[in-house]
Amino acid sequence: MASFNCFALAFVMALSFASTDVGVAARHLLQLPQLPPMPTLPTTTLPPLPSIPNLPQPSIPVLPRPGALPPLPTMPGLPTLPSVPRATLPPLPSMPSIPTTIPSIPFLSPPPSPSTP
């Protein structure tokens, strides 16, 4: 457990030093003199895109109306399967009952008290 605490302390210290370096670098950048503005680059003009040629449109055939289609053929009936004789299983054996009373064990009972004459 002590090694984990040492590792956690080292990790926190490394993060704090890293954030300190970032802060110093940012302050250094803010203190630099102003840089000259960036020159504007010449823009090039692109040639116009070629026009897309008009392709011939295919003629769509006229489909017949749904009512004019011939009816679908009917499916033939499935043949009847012969009946298979059912197998009879023997009856399950009865489960023995678990006793619900605990028998008394004689040697665990207290010894009889001595009789005084």
N, C-alpha and C. Protein backbone atom coordinates (compact mmCIF):
# COMPACT_ATOMS: atom_id res chain seq x y z
N MET A 1 0.83 -1.18 0.00
CA MET A 1 0.00 0.00 0.00
C MET A 1 0.87 1.24 0.00
N ALA A 2 2.04 1.14 0.65
CA ALA A 2 2.94 2.29 0.72
C ALA A 2 3.50 2.60 -0.67
N SER A 3 3.74 1.58 -1.48
CA SER A 3 4.27 1.84 -2.82
C SER A 3 3.23 2.56 -3.68
N PHE A 4 1.94 2.24 -3.48
CA PHE A 4 0.89 2.92 -4.23
C PHE A 4 0.83 4.39 -3.83
N ASN A 5 0.95 4.67 -2.52
CA ASN A 5 0.94 6.07 -2.06
C ASN A 5 2.12 6.83 -2.64
N CYS A 6 3.28 6.19 -2.69
CA CYS A 6 4.47 6.83 -3.26
C CYS A 6 4.27 7.11 -4.74
N PHE A 7 3.67 6.14 -5.44
CA PHE A 7 3.41 6.32 -6.86
C PHE A 7 2.41 7.45 -7.09
N ALA A 8 1.37 7.50 -6.27
CA ALA A 8 0.36 8.55 -6.43
C ALA A 8 0.98 9.93 -6.16
N LEU A 9 1.86 10.03 -5.15
CA LEU A 9 2.51 11.30 -4.84
C LEU A 9 3.41 11.72 -6.01
N ALA A 10 4.17 10.78 -6.57
CA ALA A 10 5.03 11.10 -7.70
C ALA A 10 4.20 11.54 -8.91
N PHE A 11 3.04 10.91 -9.12
CA PHE A 11 2.18 11.28 -10.24
C PHE A 11 1.63 12.69 -10.08
N VAL A 12 1.20 13.03 -8.87
CA VAL A 12 0.67 14.37 -8.61
C VAL A 12 1.76 15.41 -8.78
N MET A 13 2.97 15.11 -8.33
CA MET A 13 4.08 16.07 -8.48
C MET A 13 4.42 16.26 -9.96
N ALA A 14 4.42 15.17 -10.75
CA ALA A 14 4.72 15.29 -12.17
C ALA A 14 3.66 16.15 -12.87
N LEU A 15 2.40 15.98 -12.50
CA LEU A 15 1.35 16.80 -13.11
C LEU A 15 1.49 18.26 -12.73
N SER A 16 1.87 18.54 -11.49
CA SER A 16 2.00 19.94 -11.08
C SER A 16 3.19 20.59 -11.78
N PHE A 17 4.31 19.85 -11.95
CA PHE A 17 5.44 20.43 -12.67
C PHE A 17 5.10 20.65 -14.14
N ALA A 18 4.35 19.75 -14.72
CA ALA A 18 3.97 19.91 -16.13
C ALA A 18 3.07 21.13 -16.30
N SER A 19 2.14 21.34 -15.37
CA SER A 19 1.27 22.51 -15.50
C SER A 19 2.05 23.80 -15.26
N THR A 20 3.09 23.75 -14.42
CA THR A 20 3.93 24.93 -14.21
C THR A 20 4.68 25.28 -15.48
N ASP A 21 5.21 24.24 -16.18
CA ASP A 21 5.93 24.49 -17.43
C ASP A 21 5.00 25.08 -18.49
N VAL A 22 3.77 24.61 -18.52
CA VAL A 22 2.81 25.14 -19.50
C VAL A 22 2.51 26.60 -19.19
N GLY A 23 2.37 26.93 -17.92
CA GLY A 23 2.11 28.31 -17.55
C GLY A 23 3.27 29.23 -17.89
N VAL A 24 4.51 28.77 -17.66
CA VAL A 24 5.68 29.58 -17.99
C VAL A 24 5.79 29.76 -19.50
N ALA A 25 5.51 28.71 -20.28
CA ALA A 25 5.59 28.81 -21.73
C ALA A 25 4.53 29.77 -22.26
N ALA A 26 3.34 29.76 -21.70
CA ALA A 26 2.29 30.67 -22.15
C ALA A 26 2.66 32.12 -21.83
N ARG A 27 3.23 32.36 -20.65
CA ARG A 27 3.64 33.72 -20.30
C ARG A 27 4.75 34.20 -21.23
N HIS A 28 5.68 33.29 -21.58
CA HIS A 28 6.76 33.65 -22.49
C HIS A 28 6.22 34.03 -23.87
N LEU A 29 5.22 33.28 -24.34
CA LEU A 29 4.64 33.59 -25.64
C LEU A 29 3.91 34.93 -25.62
N LEU A 30 3.28 35.26 -24.48
CA LEU A 30 2.57 36.53 -24.39
C LEU A 30 3.52 37.71 -24.36
N GLN A 31 4.75 37.51 -23.91
CA GLN A 31 5.70 38.61 -23.78
C GLN A 31 6.50 38.83 -25.06
N LEU A 32 6.35 37.98 -26.06
CA LEU A 32 7.07 38.17 -27.32
C LEU A 32 6.53 39.38 -28.04
N PRO A 33 7.36 40.05 -28.86
CA PRO A 33 6.83 41.19 -29.63
C PRO A 33 5.85 40.70 -30.69
N GLN A 34 5.03 41.63 -31.12
CA GLN A 34 4.03 41.28 -32.12
C GLN A 34 4.71 40.88 -33.42
N LEU A 35 4.23 39.82 -34.02
CA LEU A 35 4.78 39.36 -35.28
C LEU A 35 4.14 40.14 -36.42
N PRO A 36 4.85 40.27 -37.52
CA PRO A 36 4.24 40.97 -38.67
C PRO A 36 3.07 40.14 -39.19
N PRO A 37 2.10 40.83 -39.80
CA PRO A 37 0.94 40.07 -40.29
C PRO A 37 1.35 39.12 -41.40
N MET A 38 0.59 38.08 -41.53
CA MET A 38 0.87 37.08 -42.56
C MET A 38 0.54 37.66 -43.92
N PRO A 39 1.43 37.46 -44.91
CA PRO A 39 1.11 37.96 -46.25
C PRO A 39 -0.03 37.13 -46.84
N THR A 40 -0.80 37.80 -47.66
CA THR A 40 -1.90 37.09 -48.30
C THR A 40 -1.37 36.34 -49.50
N LEU A 41 -1.79 35.13 -49.63
CA LEU A 41 -1.34 34.30 -50.75
C LEU A 41 -2.26 34.53 -51.94
N PRO A 42 -1.70 34.47 -53.13
CA PRO A 42 -2.57 34.65 -54.30
C PRO A 42 -3.53 33.47 -54.42
N THR A 43 -4.72 33.80 -54.78
CA THR A 43 -5.72 32.74 -54.95
C THR A 43 -5.75 32.33 -56.41
N THR A 44 -5.88 31.08 -56.61
CA THR A 44 -5.96 30.58 -57.99
C THR A 44 -7.42 30.33 -58.32
N THR A 45 -7.74 30.59 -59.55
CA THR A 45 -9.11 30.33 -59.99
C THR A 45 -9.14 28.96 -60.66
N LEU A 46 -10.11 28.20 -60.30
CA LEU A 46 -10.25 26.87 -60.87
C LEU A 46 -11.00 26.95 -62.18
N PRO A 47 -10.67 26.06 -63.11
CA PRO A 47 -11.42 26.06 -64.37
C PRO A 47 -12.84 25.59 -64.09
N PRO A 48 -13.79 26.01 -64.93
CA PRO A 48 -15.18 25.59 -64.69
C PRO A 48 -15.31 24.07 -64.88
N LEU A 49 -16.22 23.51 -64.13
CA LEU A 49 -16.46 22.07 -64.24
C LEU A 49 -17.15 21.76 -65.56
N PRO A 50 -16.81 20.63 -66.15
CA PRO A 50 -17.48 20.29 -67.41
C PRO A 50 -18.95 19.96 -67.15
N SER A 51 -19.76 20.25 -68.13
CA SER A 51 -21.20 20.00 -67.95
C SER A 51 -21.47 18.51 -68.15
N ILE A 52 -22.45 18.04 -67.46
CA ILE A 52 -22.81 16.63 -67.55
C ILE A 52 -23.68 16.45 -68.79
N PRO A 53 -23.30 15.51 -69.66
CA PRO A 53 -24.11 15.34 -70.88
C PRO A 53 -25.48 14.75 -70.53
N ASN A 54 -26.45 15.10 -71.33
CA ASN A 54 -27.80 14.55 -71.15
C ASN A 54 -27.86 13.17 -71.77
N LEU A 55 -28.13 12.19 -70.94
CA LEU A 55 -28.21 10.82 -71.43
C LEU A 55 -29.64 10.55 -71.88
N PRO A 56 -29.81 9.66 -72.84
CA PRO A 56 -31.18 9.35 -73.28
C PRO A 56 -31.93 8.63 -72.16
N GLN A 57 -33.18 9.02 -71.97
CA GLN A 57 -33.99 8.41 -70.93
C GLN A 57 -34.67 7.16 -71.49
N PRO A 58 -34.57 6.05 -70.77
CA PRO A 58 -35.23 4.83 -71.27
C PRO A 58 -36.75 4.97 -71.11
N SER A 59 -37.45 4.31 -72.01
CA SER A 59 -38.91 4.35 -71.92
C SER A 59 -39.36 3.25 -70.94
N ILE A 60 -40.24 3.61 -70.06
CA ILE A 60 -40.73 2.67 -69.05
C ILE A 60 -41.92 1.93 -69.65
N PRO A 61 -41.87 0.57 -69.63
CA PRO A 61 -43.01 -0.17 -70.21
C PRO A 61 -44.23 -0.04 -69.31
N VAL A 62 -45.36 -0.13 -69.94
CA VAL A 62 -46.63 -0.02 -69.20
C VAL A 62 -46.94 -1.40 -68.63
N LEU A 63 -47.13 -1.45 -67.32
CA LEU A 63 -47.43 -2.73 -66.66
C LEU A 63 -48.94 -2.94 -66.64
N PRO A 64 -49.37 -4.20 -66.70
CA PRO A 64 -50.81 -4.45 -66.64
C PRO A 64 -51.33 -4.17 -65.23
N ARG A 65 -52.60 -3.90 -65.13
CA ARG A 65 -53.21 -3.64 -63.83
C ARG A 65 -53.22 -4.91 -63.00
N PRO A 66 -53.18 -4.79 -61.64
CA PRO A 66 -53.16 -6.01 -60.81
C PRO A 66 -54.39 -6.87 -60.98
N GLY A 67 -55.55 -6.30 -61.29
CA GLY A 67 -56.75 -7.11 -61.46
C GLY A 67 -56.70 -7.94 -62.72
N ALA A 68 -55.88 -7.56 -63.70
CA ALA A 68 -55.82 -8.27 -64.96
C ALA A 68 -54.87 -9.46 -64.91
N LEU A 69 -54.11 -9.62 -63.82
CA LEU A 69 -53.19 -10.76 -63.73
C LEU A 69 -53.96 -12.04 -63.47
N PRO A 70 -53.45 -13.16 -63.97
CA PRO A 70 -54.14 -14.43 -63.70
C PRO A 70 -53.98 -14.78 -62.22
N PRO A 71 -54.95 -15.49 -61.66
CA PRO A 71 -54.85 -15.85 -60.24
C PRO A 71 -53.71 -16.84 -60.01
N LEU A 72 -53.21 -16.82 -58.81
CA LEU A 72 -52.13 -17.75 -58.46
C LEU A 72 -52.67 -19.16 -58.35
N PRO A 73 -51.88 -20.17 -58.70
CA PRO A 73 -52.37 -21.55 -58.58
C PRO A 73 -52.53 -21.92 -57.11
N THR A 74 -53.48 -22.81 -56.85
CA THR A 74 -53.71 -23.23 -55.46
C THR A 74 -52.73 -24.34 -55.12
N MET A 75 -52.35 -24.36 -53.85
CA MET A 75 -51.42 -25.39 -53.39
C MET A 75 -52.19 -26.69 -53.18
N PRO A 76 -51.63 -27.82 -53.61
CA PRO A 76 -52.33 -29.09 -53.36
C PRO A 76 -52.30 -29.40 -51.86
N GLY A 77 -53.29 -30.08 -51.40
CA GLY A 77 -53.36 -30.43 -49.98
C GLY A 77 -52.27 -31.42 -49.61
N LEU A 78 -51.81 -31.35 -48.38
CA LEU A 78 -50.78 -32.28 -47.91
C LEU A 78 -51.42 -33.63 -47.65
N PRO A 79 -50.70 -34.71 -47.94
CA PRO A 79 -51.28 -36.04 -47.66
C PRO A 79 -51.36 -36.24 -46.14
N THR A 80 -52.32 -37.03 -45.73
CA THR A 80 -52.46 -37.30 -44.30
C THR A 80 -51.45 -38.34 -43.88
N LEU A 81 -50.88 -38.13 -42.73
CA LEU A 81 -49.88 -39.08 -42.22
C LEU A 81 -50.59 -40.17 -41.43
N PRO A 82 -50.10 -41.41 -41.50
CA PRO A 82 -50.74 -42.46 -40.69
C PRO A 82 -50.45 -42.21 -39.22
N SER A 83 -51.39 -42.64 -38.39
CA SER A 83 -51.20 -42.42 -36.96
C SER A 83 -50.17 -43.42 -36.43
N VAL A 84 -49.33 -42.93 -35.54
CA VAL A 84 -48.27 -43.75 -34.96
C VAL A 84 -48.76 -44.21 -33.59
N PRO A 85 -48.61 -45.49 -33.27
CA PRO A 85 -49.05 -45.94 -31.94
C PRO A 85 -48.22 -45.25 -30.87
N ARG A 86 -48.90 -44.88 -29.80
CA ARG A 86 -48.21 -44.18 -28.71
C ARG A 86 -47.60 -45.21 -27.77
N ALA A 87 -46.38 -44.92 -27.34
CA ALA A 87 -45.72 -45.79 -26.38
C ALA A 87 -46.16 -45.39 -24.99
N THR A 88 -46.44 -46.38 -24.16
CA THR A 88 -46.84 -46.09 -22.79
C THR A 88 -45.63 -46.26 -21.90
N LEU A 89 -45.42 -45.33 -21.00
CA LEU A 89 -44.29 -45.38 -20.09
C LEU A 89 -44.72 -46.01 -18.78
N PRO A 90 -43.80 -46.73 -18.10
CA PRO A 90 -44.17 -47.31 -16.80
C PRO A 90 -44.34 -46.19 -15.79
N PRO A 91 -45.13 -46.43 -14.76
CA PRO A 91 -45.32 -45.37 -13.76
C PRO A 91 -44.02 -45.10 -13.01
N LEU A 92 -43.87 -43.88 -12.56
CA LEU A 92 -42.68 -43.51 -11.80
C LEU A 92 -42.74 -44.14 -10.42
N PRO A 93 -41.60 -44.57 -9.88
CA PRO A 93 -41.62 -45.13 -8.52
C PRO A 93 -41.90 -44.02 -7.53
N SER A 94 -42.51 -44.40 -6.41
CA SER A 94 -42.84 -43.40 -5.40
C SER A 94 -41.59 -43.03 -4.62
N MET A 95 -41.48 -41.79 -4.28
CA MET A 95 -40.32 -41.31 -3.52
C MET A 95 -40.53 -41.65 -2.05
N PRO A 96 -39.47 -42.08 -1.36
CA PRO A 96 -39.63 -42.36 0.07
C PRO A 96 -39.86 -41.05 0.81
N SER A 97 -40.62 -41.13 1.87
CA SER A 97 -40.91 -39.93 2.64
C SER A 97 -39.79 -39.65 3.62
N ILE A 98 -39.55 -38.38 3.88
CA ILE A 98 -38.51 -37.98 4.81
C ILE A 98 -39.15 -37.84 6.18
N PRO A 99 -38.56 -38.44 7.23
CA PRO A 99 -39.17 -38.31 8.55
C PRO A 99 -39.10 -36.86 9.02
N THR A 100 -40.16 -36.42 9.66
CA THR A 100 -40.21 -35.04 10.12
C THR A 100 -39.88 -34.91 11.60
N THR A 101 -39.91 -36.00 12.35
CA THR A 101 -39.57 -35.92 13.77
C THR A 101 -38.16 -36.45 13.98
N ILE A 102 -37.46 -35.83 14.91
CA ILE A 102 -36.09 -36.25 15.21
C ILE A 102 -36.17 -37.19 16.42
N PRO A 103 -35.66 -38.39 16.27
CA PRO A 103 -35.71 -39.31 17.42
C PRO A 103 -34.77 -38.82 18.52
N SER A 104 -35.12 -39.08 19.73
CA SER A 104 -34.27 -38.66 20.85
C SER A 104 -33.15 -39.66 21.01
N ILE A 105 -32.00 -39.15 21.34
CA ILE A 105 -30.82 -39.99 21.54
C ILE A 105 -30.68 -40.16 23.06
N PRO A 106 -30.67 -41.37 23.54
CA PRO A 106 -30.71 -41.57 25.00
C PRO A 106 -29.48 -41.05 25.73
N PHE A 107 -28.30 -41.17 25.18
CA PHE A 107 -27.10 -40.80 25.95
C PHE A 107 -26.91 -39.29 25.99
N LEU A 108 -27.68 -38.50 25.28
CA LEU A 108 -27.56 -37.06 25.38
C LEU A 108 -28.53 -36.48 26.41
N SER A 109 -29.40 -37.29 26.92
CA SER A 109 -30.31 -36.78 27.94
C SER A 109 -29.58 -36.71 29.28
N PRO A 110 -29.95 -35.81 30.16
CA PRO A 110 -29.24 -35.70 31.44
C PRO A 110 -29.41 -36.98 32.28
N PRO A 111 -28.39 -37.27 33.06
CA PRO A 111 -28.50 -38.50 33.87
C PRO A 111 -29.60 -38.35 34.92
N PRO A 112 -30.16 -39.43 35.34
CA PRO A 112 -31.20 -39.31 36.36
C PRO A 112 -30.61 -38.79 37.68
N SER A 113 -31.39 -38.04 38.38
CA SER A 113 -30.89 -37.49 39.66
C SER A 113 -30.83 -38.60 40.71
N PRO A 114 -29.80 -38.55 41.53
CA PRO A 114 -29.72 -39.63 42.57
C PRO A 114 -30.84 -39.45 43.58
N SER A 115 -31.39 -40.56 43.95
CA SER A 115 -32.47 -40.51 44.93
C SER A 115 -31.89 -40.49 46.34
N THR A 116 -32.35 -39.64 47.14
CA THR A 116 -31.87 -39.56 48.53
C THR A 116 -32.84 -40.30 49.43
N PRO A 117 -32.35 -41.33 50.20
CA PRO A 117 -33.28 -42.06 51.08
C PRO A 117 -33.55 -41.36 52.36
